[in-house]
Every structure is written in structure tokens, then in C-alpha cells.
Amino acid sequence: MAMAAALSSSSSSSFISSSALFFFSSTTWRGLAGPQISKQLLNLSGIAAARPGGRGWGSHKVTGISASISSKPKEELRTRPDELVNSILSMVTQTDRGVLLTRDEHNKVAEVAQELGRFCVDEPVKCPLIFGEWDVVYCSVPTSPGGGYRSAFGRLVFKTKEMIQFVEAPDTVRNRVSFSVFGFLDGEVSLEGKLKALDEKWIQVVFEPPQLKVGALEFQYGGQSEVKLEITYIDDKIRLGKGSRGSLFVFQRL
């Protein structure tokens, strides 16, 4: 189960619009200095072209002309880590861990995650914040956490209730996926493994065969599995990670 990969740890957009108002009223040309005349000519040159039968500018007065110009909305990028964290959580909440997102929405999540990576601590594999209980709130590839249970067919049979990861000092990782079969029979799959730091950002976890429990039935199946993950961001609230095949994971601390 690639869910184990997630050992590591944003964006609502706001828009800015501006407008400028130009108003000319009872402007006379007599007595203006040279620079003032040049400025007025620049402002009113467009009006002359639109005025049929104009007599030239001499002592002519122009009244009651105004215009409004609005700039296109411009996206304001969030640059503070806490803002990016709140942004990415708002994007993935109530999306069935990313399943319900469109391609464009996945791309936006990836953009915020990349921006958060700029604020990652040095040597995140040594950061004590990795320890604790985490909820898997997003994965860019639905089958990465949960394997076949999270495939298109698997989701029809197994309704995911929770996906939790426990990281315990010094090197123990336990994953648990709880579900209901056709909505009435509860079950869960659990994994336990050992983690190993490969460098300052990459870790490896080797898991024992998974345990499956459905109702009163419980048994072990399959063999060992191994995953590698790069920790791209971590704080006291979320953890981000990227699998060896590029899957992006978002975990929220419980």
C-alpha cells in the first residue's frame, strides 16, 4: 500500500481591481502656461477626434466629459507559510482525499505545495515534528494511499471512513485504513513498518504484510512492501510529501 509513503509533510485566491476617473469641466485655455497646455492637450486629444466640426482648441471650452477605466483582476499570491497552509487545506477538505478534484484543481494544490516547499526546515527527516498521529487528507493519485481499496471499483465496494498514520519514535510507522463494505459491514487494513533516513529529505519504509479485518474475520495477506518518500514540508499543523513516482501527499495533524 502506497499510503505508507506519506511520511512527510496552499490557495484561495483574492483579487484586486482598480479604477481611474478622468473628469474635465469648464476648462479654458487662456492664461495657461506652456506645460499646462501640453498636459491638457494630452488629456483631450482623444476628444477632439470624436467631435465633428471642431474649430480647433483656441479659446474653446470642454465640459462634462468623464471616463472610467478598470484594470483586470489580478491574483494576489499568498507568501506567508501559515496562509499557504490554510489555503492548501481549504482546497483539499471534503474532496474524498482528492478524488473529487478536477485536473485544474489538482494543479492548484501542487502549486501551493511547491510554494510551501520554499519554507521547509533543513533536514526534515530529523525534525521531531514528524512524530504523531496524522490524517491523510489528500493524495494526487487516489490509489496511492489504500491501494486497490481506493481504486474506482474499490470505492464502490469499500467506503473509506478514515486513513490514519501513526509515526512513533524512534522509527515505527503504523498505517490504518478503516472502511465499510457496501455501507454496513465495518473493516480495516493496517500496516506496520520501520523507517530509515536515506538522506536529509528522503526516507524509506519497509512494511510487514498487511492485516485485514472485516467483521469478526481477521487475517494477514500478501508480503512485505517498501516505499520511499521525499519530505517537502512539515510544521505543527501539516506534512507534505512526494512519492518516488511523483504522488503528492498532504497530511493534517490530529
Protein backbone atom coordinates (compact mmCIF):
# COMPACT_ATOMS: atom_id res chain seq x y z
CA MET A 1 0.00 0.00 0.00
CA ALA A 2 1.49 3.25 -1.14
CA MET A 3 -0.35 5.12 1.58
CA ALA A 4 2.67 4.37 3.68
CA ALA A 5 4.61 6.74 1.57
CA ALA A 6 3.15 9.69 3.26
CA LEU A 7 5.69 10.37 5.92
CA SER A 8 6.24 13.92 5.17
CA SER A 9 4.83 16.84 5.27
CA SER A 10 -1.53 26.32 -0.17
CA SER A 11 -4.86 28.59 -2.45
CA SER A 12 -7.82 30.55 -2.10
CA SER A 13 -7.20 33.47 -4.44
CA SER A 14 -8.13 37.12 -3.78
CA PHE A 15 -8.47 39.70 -6.49
CA ILE A 16 -7.52 43.34 -6.67
CA SER A 17 -9.23 45.76 -9.02
CA SER A 18 -8.51 49.45 -9.52
CA SER A 19 -10.24 52.23 -11.42
CA ALA A 20 -9.31 55.70 -12.56
CA LEU A 21 -11.78 58.53 -13.21
CA PHE A 22 -10.97 61.45 -15.58
CA PHE A 23 -13.27 64.46 -15.39
CA PHE A 24 -12.98 67.65 -17.44
CA SER A 25 -15.28 70.58 -16.68
CA SER A 26 -15.31 74.18 -17.98
CA THR A 27 -11.64 74.14 -18.97
CA THR A 28 -10.49 77.39 -20.58
CA TRP A 29 -7.18 77.79 -22.40
CA ARG A 30 -6.49 81.47 -21.87
CA GLY A 31 -3.72 82.25 -19.42
CA LEU A 32 -2.33 78.66 -19.19
CA ALA A 33 1.43 78.21 -19.12
CA GLY A 34 3.15 76.04 -21.78
CA PRO A 35 3.49 72.85 -19.67
CA GLN A 36 -0.13 73.15 -18.53
CA ILE A 37 -1.33 73.42 -22.14
CA SER A 38 0.68 70.34 -23.11
CA LYS A 39 -0.88 68.38 -20.28
CA GLN A 40 -4.40 69.44 -21.26
CA LEU A 41 -3.74 68.57 -24.90
CA LEU A 42 -2.69 65.07 -23.90
CA ASN A 43 -5.86 64.59 -21.88
CA LEU A 44 -8.18 65.97 -24.53
CA SER A 45 -6.60 64.82 -27.80
CA GLY A 46 -8.96 61.85 -27.98
CA ILE A 47 -11.95 64.12 -27.51
CA ALA A 48 -11.04 66.31 -30.50
CA ALA A 49 -11.12 63.35 -32.87
CA ALA A 50 -14.57 62.38 -31.67
CA ARG A 51 -16.03 65.89 -32.00
CA PRO A 52 -17.25 66.52 -35.59
CA GLY A 53 -16.82 70.06 -36.89
CA GLY A 54 -14.44 71.03 -34.13
CA ARG A 55 -12.92 74.52 -34.53
CA GLY A 56 -9.56 73.85 -33.08
CA TRP A 57 -8.57 74.47 -29.48
CA GLY A 58 -8.02 78.29 -29.26
CA SER A 59 -10.36 79.54 -26.54
CA HIS A 60 -12.84 76.63 -26.87
CA LYS A 61 -14.25 75.20 -23.64
CA VAL A 62 -14.84 71.48 -22.99
CA THR A 63 -17.41 70.45 -20.39
CA GLY A 64 -18.92 67.36 -18.80
CA ILE A 65 -16.65 64.61 -20.13
CA SER A 66 -15.68 61.68 -17.93
CA ALA A 67 -14.35 58.15 -18.31
CA SER A 68 -13.77 55.14 -16.10
CA ILE A 69 -11.02 52.54 -16.62
CA SER A 70 -10.87 49.29 -14.67
CA SER A 71 -7.89 47.01 -14.61
CA LYS A 72 -8.31 43.26 -14.99
CA PRO A 73 -8.46 41.30 -11.73
CA LYS A 74 -5.01 40.34 -10.59
CA GLU A 75 -4.41 37.32 -8.39
CA GLU A 76 -2.75 38.15 -5.10
CA LEU A 77 -0.29 35.42 -4.24
CA ARG A 78 -0.05 34.31 -0.65
CA THR A 79 3.53 34.18 0.54
CA ARG A 80 3.33 33.54 4.30
CA PRO A 81 3.60 29.86 5.33
CA ASP A 82 0.50 30.00 7.54
CA GLU A 83 -1.55 31.48 4.69
CA LEU A 84 -0.30 28.80 2.30
CA VAL A 85 -1.10 26.07 4.83
CA ASN A 86 -4.66 27.36 5.29
CA SER A 87 -5.02 27.67 1.53
CA ILE A 88 -3.98 24.12 0.73
CA LEU A 89 -6.18 22.69 3.49
CA SER A 90 -9.18 24.61 2.19
CA MET A 91 -8.51 23.17 -1.28
CA VAL A 92 -8.46 19.52 -0.19
CA THR A 93 -11.05 19.45 2.60
CA GLN A 94 -14.18 17.39 1.80
CA THR A 95 -12.80 16.17 -1.55
CA ASP A 96 -12.60 12.47 -0.61
CA ARG A 97 -8.85 12.94 -0.24
CA GLY A 98 -8.52 14.46 -3.69
CA VAL A 99 -10.79 12.11 -5.64
CA LEU A 100 -13.40 14.81 -6.34
CA LEU A 101 -10.95 17.42 -7.62
CA THR A 102 -10.59 18.34 -11.29
CA ARG A 103 -7.24 18.36 -13.04
CA ASP A 104 -7.00 22.13 -12.73
CA GLU A 105 -7.74 21.93 -9.02
CA HIS A 106 -5.03 19.27 -8.58
CA ASN A 107 -2.63 21.62 -10.37
CA LYS A 108 -3.51 24.44 -7.99
CA VAL A 109 -2.84 22.19 -4.99
CA ALA A 110 0.54 21.28 -6.49
CA GLU A 111 1.39 24.97 -6.98
CA VAL A 112 0.69 25.79 -3.34
CA ALA A 113 2.64 22.72 -2.20
CA GLN A 114 5.60 23.81 -4.30
CA GLU A 115 5.47 27.28 -2.77
CA LEU A 116 5.35 25.79 0.74
CA GLY A 117 8.44 23.76 -0.08
CA ARG A 118 10.41 27.02 -0.01
CA PHE A 119 9.77 27.19 3.73
CA CYS A 120 10.68 23.60 4.61
CA VAL A 121 13.09 23.17 7.51
CA ASP A 122 16.59 21.93 6.86
CA GLU A 123 16.94 18.16 7.17
CA PRO A 124 13.22 17.48 7.71
CA VAL A 125 13.87 13.76 8.32
CA LYS A 126 15.46 14.78 11.64
CA CYS A 127 12.64 17.12 12.63
CA PRO A 128 10.76 15.86 15.73
CA LEU A 129 7.52 17.22 14.28
CA ILE A 130 7.22 14.11 12.09
CA PHE A 131 6.16 12.11 15.13
CA GLY A 132 2.48 11.97 16.00
CA GLU A 133 -0.89 11.00 14.57
CA TRP A 134 -1.77 12.20 11.07
CA ASP A 135 -4.84 12.17 8.87
CA VAL A 136 -4.29 11.56 5.14
CA VAL A 137 -6.37 14.42 3.71
CA TYR A 138 -5.11 14.38 0.12
CA CYS A 139 -3.21 12.41 -2.48
CA SER A 140 -2.79 13.41 -6.11
CA VAL A 141 -3.21 9.75 -7.13
CA PRO A 142 -6.28 8.16 -5.47
CA THR A 143 -4.83 4.63 -5.40
CA SER A 144 -1.54 5.64 -3.76
CA PRO A 145 -2.94 5.59 -0.21
CA GLY A 146 -5.03 2.46 0.20
CA GLY A 147 -4.14 0.58 -2.97
CA GLY A 148 -6.99 -1.31 -4.57
CA TYR A 149 -9.38 -0.22 -1.82
CA ARG A 150 -9.16 3.30 -3.28
CA SER A 151 -9.45 2.37 -6.96
CA ALA A 152 -12.58 3.37 -8.89
CA PHE A 153 -14.11 -0.08 -8.35
CA GLY A 154 -12.79 -0.38 -4.80
CA ARG A 155 -14.50 2.85 -3.76
CA LEU A 156 -17.83 1.42 -4.88
CA VAL A 157 -17.44 -1.52 -2.50
CA PHE A 158 -15.32 -0.05 0.28
CA LYS A 159 -16.40 3.34 1.60
CA THR A 160 -13.37 4.90 3.29
CA LYS A 161 -14.07 6.18 6.78
CA GLU A 162 -10.58 7.26 7.79
CA MET A 163 -6.94 6.97 6.76
CA ILE A 164 -4.60 7.47 9.68
CA GLN A 165 -0.84 7.28 10.03
CA PHE A 166 0.99 6.96 13.34
CA VAL A 167 4.70 7.83 13.40
CA GLU A 168 6.31 6.80 16.65
CA ALA A 169 9.86 7.42 17.87
CA PRO A 170 12.34 6.26 17.06
CA ASP A 171 11.43 4.52 13.76
CA THR A 172 7.96 2.93 13.78
CA VAL A 173 5.22 3.69 11.28
CA ARG A 174 1.68 2.30 11.51
CA ASN A 175 -0.96 2.93 8.84
CA ARG A 176 -4.65 2.21 9.20
CA VAL A 177 -7.43 2.44 6.63
CA SER A 178 -10.91 1.88 8.04
CA PHE A 179 -13.89 1.34 5.77
CA SER A 180 -17.36 -0.10 5.48
CA VAL A 181 -18.28 -2.78 2.94
CA PHE A 182 -21.36 -1.66 0.98
CA GLY A 183 -22.01 0.77 3.81
CA PHE A 184 -22.94 -1.75 6.54
CA LEU A 185 -20.01 -4.11 7.33
CA ASP A 186 -17.05 -2.41 9.04
CA GLY A 187 -13.47 -3.38 8.35
CA GLU A 188 -9.91 -2.08 8.34
CA VAL A 189 -6.49 -2.71 6.84
CA SER A 190 -3.39 -2.00 8.91
CA LEU A 191 0.33 -1.95 8.23
CA GLU A 192 3.37 -1.64 10.44
CA GLY A 193 6.87 -0.85 9.26
CA LYS A 194 10.27 0.58 10.04
CA LEU A 195 11.55 3.84 8.61
CA LYS A 196 15.08 4.66 7.55
CA ALA A 197 16.50 8.02 6.56
CA LEU A 198 18.19 7.89 3.14
CA ASP A 199 19.41 11.50 3.22
CA GLU A 200 18.26 14.83 4.69
CA LYS A 201 14.90 14.70 2.85
CA TRP A 202 14.24 11.15 1.66
CA ILE A 203 13.07 8.28 3.83
CA GLN A 204 12.36 4.61 3.20
CA VAL A 205 9.78 2.48 4.99
CA VAL A 206 9.68 -1.32 4.83
CA PHE A 207 6.27 -2.71 5.86
CA GLU A 208 5.31 -6.11 7.08
CA PRO A 209 2.41 -7.90 5.28
CA PRO A 210 -0.90 -6.08 5.86
CA GLN A 211 -3.55 -7.21 8.31
CA LEU A 212 -7.16 -7.28 7.10
CA LYS A 213 -10.11 -7.25 9.46
CA VAL A 214 -13.72 -7.48 8.29
CA GLY A 215 -16.34 -8.00 10.99
CA ALA A 216 -15.10 -10.86 13.18
CA LEU A 217 -12.76 -12.14 10.45
CA GLU A 218 -9.09 -11.15 10.70
CA PHE A 219 -6.10 -12.42 8.73
CA GLN A 220 -2.78 -11.43 7.19
CA TYR A 221 -2.20 -11.47 3.45
CA GLY A 222 0.41 -10.53 0.84
CA GLY A 223 4.06 -9.87 1.52
CA GLN A 224 6.38 -7.10 2.57
CA SER A 225 6.21 -3.76 0.83
CA GLU A 226 8.65 -0.90 0.54
CA VAL A 227 8.07 2.80 -0.14
CA LYS A 228 10.27 5.87 -0.49
CA LEU A 229 9.18 9.41 0.15
CA GLU A 230 10.66 12.90 -0.02
CA ILE A 231 9.62 15.23 2.79
CA THR A 232 8.89 18.59 1.18
CA TYR A 233 7.33 20.50 4.09
CA ILE A 234 6.48 19.98 7.75
CA ASP A 235 5.20 22.10 10.63
CA ASP A 236 2.99 21.62 13.67
CA LYS A 237 -0.14 21.52 11.51
CA ILE A 238 0.55 19.71 8.22
CA ARG A 239 3.07 17.49 6.49
CA LEU A 240 3.72 17.30 2.75
CA GLY A 241 5.48 14.53 0.91
CA LYS A 242 6.21 13.37 -2.60
CA GLY A 243 6.49 9.69 -3.50
CA SER A 244 9.18 8.22 -5.73
CA ARG A 245 6.69 8.25 -8.62
CA GLY A 246 5.63 11.85 -8.04
CA SER A 247 2.45 11.40 -5.99
CA LEU A 248 1.79 14.37 -3.69
CA PHE A 249 0.51 13.70 -0.16
CA VAL A 250 -1.00 16.15 2.32
CA PHE A 251 -1.32 15.11 5.98
CA GLN A 252 -3.03 17.03 8.75
CA ARG A 253 -2.04 16.55 12.36
CA LEU A 254 -4.75 15.10 14.62
